[in-house]
Amino acid sequence: METQPWNNLPLEWRRPGLADITLAGTAWYLLHTQPQVHELIAATVATVILRCVRFTKPTGSNR
């Protein structure tokens, strides 16, 4: 995955790999087909599994 930090924000974007896309798609599909799971929850879980946005310590921070 290629890291792309933004201007001193505690976020970084990573390009997902094939394995991440496959796992997120499979999780979304399995949750999407369950009638008791709301579509927003299925999409949120798939986005978290995709691991694109990560929270990091800002550059130059001592915390």
N, C-alpha and C. Protein backbone atom coordinates (compact mmCIF):
# COMPACT_ATOMS: atom_id res chain seq x y z
N MET A 1 0.82 -1.18 0.00
CA MET A 1 0.00 0.00 0.00
C MET A 1 0.87 1.24 0.00
N GLU A 2 0.46 2.22 -0.76
CA GLU A 2 1.20 3.45 -0.90
C GLU A 2 0.62 4.51 0.04
N THR A 3 1.43 5.06 0.93
CA THR A 3 0.98 6.04 1.91
C THR A 3 0.99 7.43 1.32
N GLN A 4 -0.08 8.20 1.58
CA GLN A 4 -0.18 9.57 1.12
C GLN A 4 -0.65 10.45 2.27
N PRO A 5 0.27 10.98 3.09
CA PRO A 5 -0.16 11.82 4.23
C PRO A 5 -0.66 13.18 3.75
N TRP A 6 -1.63 13.73 4.49
CA TRP A 6 -2.15 15.05 4.19
C TRP A 6 -1.50 16.07 5.12
N ASN A 7 -1.57 17.32 4.80
CA ASN A 7 -0.90 18.41 5.51
C ASN A 7 -1.17 18.39 7.01
N ASN A 8 -0.31 17.79 7.76
CA ASN A 8 -0.34 17.76 9.23
C ASN A 8 -1.67 17.32 9.82
N LEU A 9 -2.47 16.60 9.09
CA LEU A 9 -3.69 16.03 9.63
C LEU A 9 -3.37 14.63 10.14
N PRO A 10 -4.06 14.20 11.18
CA PRO A 10 -3.78 12.86 11.70
C PRO A 10 -4.43 11.76 10.87
N LEU A 11 -4.54 11.97 9.57
CA LEU A 11 -5.12 10.98 8.66
C LEU A 11 -4.13 10.66 7.56
N GLU A 12 -4.16 9.46 7.10
CA GLU A 12 -3.41 9.13 5.89
C GLU A 12 -4.26 8.16 5.06
N TRP A 13 -4.16 8.32 3.77
CA TRP A 13 -4.91 7.50 2.82
C TRP A 13 -3.98 6.45 2.26
N ARG A 14 -4.43 5.23 2.22
CA ARG A 14 -3.66 4.15 1.63
C ARG A 14 -4.49 3.51 0.53
N ARG A 15 -3.84 3.19 -0.55
CA ARG A 15 -4.50 2.52 -1.66
C ARG A 15 -4.72 1.06 -1.27
N PRO A 16 -5.94 0.56 -1.33
CA PRO A 16 -6.19 -0.82 -0.92
C PRO A 16 -5.63 -1.81 -1.93
N GLY A 17 -5.17 -2.93 -1.44
CA GLY A 17 -4.68 -4.00 -2.30
C GLY A 17 -5.81 -4.92 -2.71
N LEU A 18 -5.50 -5.87 -3.54
CA LEU A 18 -6.50 -6.81 -4.03
C LEU A 18 -7.13 -7.62 -2.88
N ALA A 19 -6.31 -8.02 -1.92
CA ALA A 19 -6.83 -8.79 -0.79
C ALA A 19 -7.81 -7.96 0.04
N ASP A 20 -7.50 -6.67 0.26
CA ASP A 20 -8.39 -5.80 1.02
C ASP A 20 -9.72 -5.61 0.30
N ILE A 21 -9.67 -5.42 -1.00
CA ILE A 21 -10.89 -5.23 -1.80
C ILE A 21 -11.74 -6.50 -1.78
N THR A 22 -11.09 -7.65 -1.88
CA THR A 22 -11.81 -8.92 -1.86
C THR A 22 -12.50 -9.15 -0.52
N LEU A 23 -11.77 -8.91 0.58
CA LEU A 23 -12.36 -9.10 1.91
C LEU A 23 -13.50 -8.13 2.16
N ALA A 24 -13.33 -6.87 1.79
CA ALA A 24 -14.38 -5.88 2.01
C ALA A 24 -15.61 -6.20 1.16
N GLY A 25 -15.40 -6.60 -0.08
CA GLY A 25 -16.53 -6.96 -0.94
C GLY A 25 -17.28 -8.17 -0.44
N THR A 26 -16.56 -9.16 0.03
CA THR A 26 -17.19 -10.37 0.57
C THR A 26 -17.98 -10.05 1.83
N ALA A 27 -17.39 -9.26 2.73
CA ALA A 27 -18.09 -8.88 3.96
C ALA A 27 -19.34 -8.08 3.65
N TRP A 28 -19.23 -7.12 2.70
CA TRP A 28 -20.40 -6.33 2.33
C TRP A 28 -21.50 -7.23 1.77
N TYR A 29 -21.15 -8.14 0.88
CA TYR A 29 -22.15 -9.01 0.26
C TYR A 29 -22.84 -9.89 1.30
N LEU A 30 -22.05 -10.48 2.21
CA LEU A 30 -22.64 -11.36 3.22
C LEU A 30 -23.56 -10.59 4.16
N LEU A 31 -23.16 -9.37 4.54
CA LEU A 31 -24.03 -8.57 5.40
C LEU A 31 -25.23 -8.03 4.63
N HIS A 32 -25.03 -7.67 3.39
CA HIS A 32 -26.10 -7.12 2.55
C HIS A 32 -27.23 -8.12 2.34
N THR A 33 -26.91 -9.38 2.25
CA THR A 33 -27.93 -10.40 2.00
C THR A 33 -28.71 -10.79 3.26
N GLN A 34 -28.27 -10.35 4.43
CA GLN A 34 -29.00 -10.64 5.67
C GLN A 34 -30.12 -9.61 5.85
N PRO A 35 -31.35 -10.04 5.99
CA PRO A 35 -32.46 -9.07 6.07
C PRO A 35 -32.44 -8.21 7.34
N GLN A 36 -31.86 -8.68 8.43
CA GLN A 36 -31.86 -7.91 9.67
C GLN A 36 -30.74 -6.88 9.75
N VAL A 37 -29.82 -6.87 8.79
CA VAL A 37 -28.71 -5.92 8.79
C VAL A 37 -29.03 -4.76 7.84
N HIS A 38 -28.99 -3.55 8.39
CA HIS A 38 -29.27 -2.35 7.59
C HIS A 38 -28.14 -2.11 6.58
N GLU A 39 -28.48 -1.55 5.42
CA GLU A 39 -27.49 -1.34 4.35
C GLU A 39 -26.36 -0.41 4.79
N LEU A 40 -26.67 0.60 5.60
CA LEU A 40 -25.64 1.52 6.08
C LEU A 40 -24.61 0.80 6.95
N ILE A 41 -25.05 -0.14 7.75
CA ILE A 41 -24.13 -0.91 8.59
C ILE A 41 -23.24 -1.79 7.72
N ALA A 42 -23.81 -2.41 6.71
CA ALA A 42 -23.02 -3.26 5.82
C ALA A 42 -21.95 -2.44 5.09
N ALA A 43 -22.31 -1.25 4.63
CA ALA A 43 -21.35 -0.39 3.94
C ALA A 43 -20.28 0.13 4.89
N THR A 44 -20.65 0.45 6.12
CA THR A 44 -19.68 0.93 7.11
C THR A 44 -18.67 -0.15 7.45
N VAL A 45 -19.14 -1.36 7.68
CA VAL A 45 -18.24 -2.47 7.99
C VAL A 45 -17.29 -2.74 6.83
N ALA A 46 -17.79 -2.71 5.62
CA ALA A 46 -16.94 -2.94 4.45
C ALA A 46 -15.89 -1.84 4.31
N THR A 47 -16.25 -0.60 4.62
CA THR A 47 -15.30 0.51 4.54
C THR A 47 -14.20 0.36 5.60
N VAL A 48 -14.57 -0.05 6.79
CA VAL A 48 -13.57 -0.26 7.85
C VAL A 48 -12.63 -1.39 7.48
N ILE A 49 -13.15 -2.47 6.92
CA ILE A 49 -12.32 -3.61 6.53
C ILE A 49 -11.39 -3.22 5.38
N LEU A 50 -11.81 -2.28 4.54
CA LEU A 50 -11.01 -1.86 3.39
C LEU A 50 -9.68 -1.21 3.82
N ARG A 51 -9.62 -0.62 4.98
CA ARG A 51 -8.41 -0.06 5.59
C ARG A 51 -7.76 1.03 4.72
N CYS A 52 -8.55 1.91 4.13
CA CYS A 52 -7.99 2.99 3.31
C CYS A 52 -7.58 4.19 4.14
N VAL A 53 -8.43 4.61 5.06
CA VAL A 53 -8.16 5.79 5.87
C VAL A 53 -7.64 5.32 7.22
N ARG A 54 -6.48 5.83 7.61
CA ARG A 54 -5.90 5.47 8.90
C ARG A 54 -5.59 6.73 9.69
N PHE A 55 -5.76 6.63 10.99
CA PHE A 55 -5.45 7.74 11.88
C PHE A 55 -4.02 7.54 12.40
N THR A 56 -3.22 8.60 12.29
CA THR A 56 -1.83 8.52 12.71
C THR A 56 -1.48 9.72 13.56
N LYS A 57 -0.30 9.69 14.14
CA LYS A 57 0.20 10.81 14.90
C LYS A 57 0.73 11.85 13.91
N PRO A 58 0.33 13.14 14.06
CA PRO A 58 0.82 14.16 13.14
C PRO A 58 2.33 14.30 13.20
N THR A 59 2.94 14.70 12.10
CA THR A 59 4.38 14.88 12.03
C THR A 59 4.82 15.99 12.98
N GLY A 60 5.82 15.71 13.78
CA GLY A 60 6.35 16.71 14.71
C GLY A 60 5.62 16.74 16.03
N SER A 61 4.67 15.85 16.25
CA SER A 61 3.93 15.83 17.50
C SER A 61 4.64 14.95 18.52
N ASN A 62 4.61 15.37 19.77
CA ASN A 62 5.25 14.60 20.83
C ASN A 62 4.24 13.76 21.60
N ARG A 63 2.98 13.77 21.22
CA ARG A 63 1.99 13.02 21.94
C ARG A 63 2.00 11.57 21.58
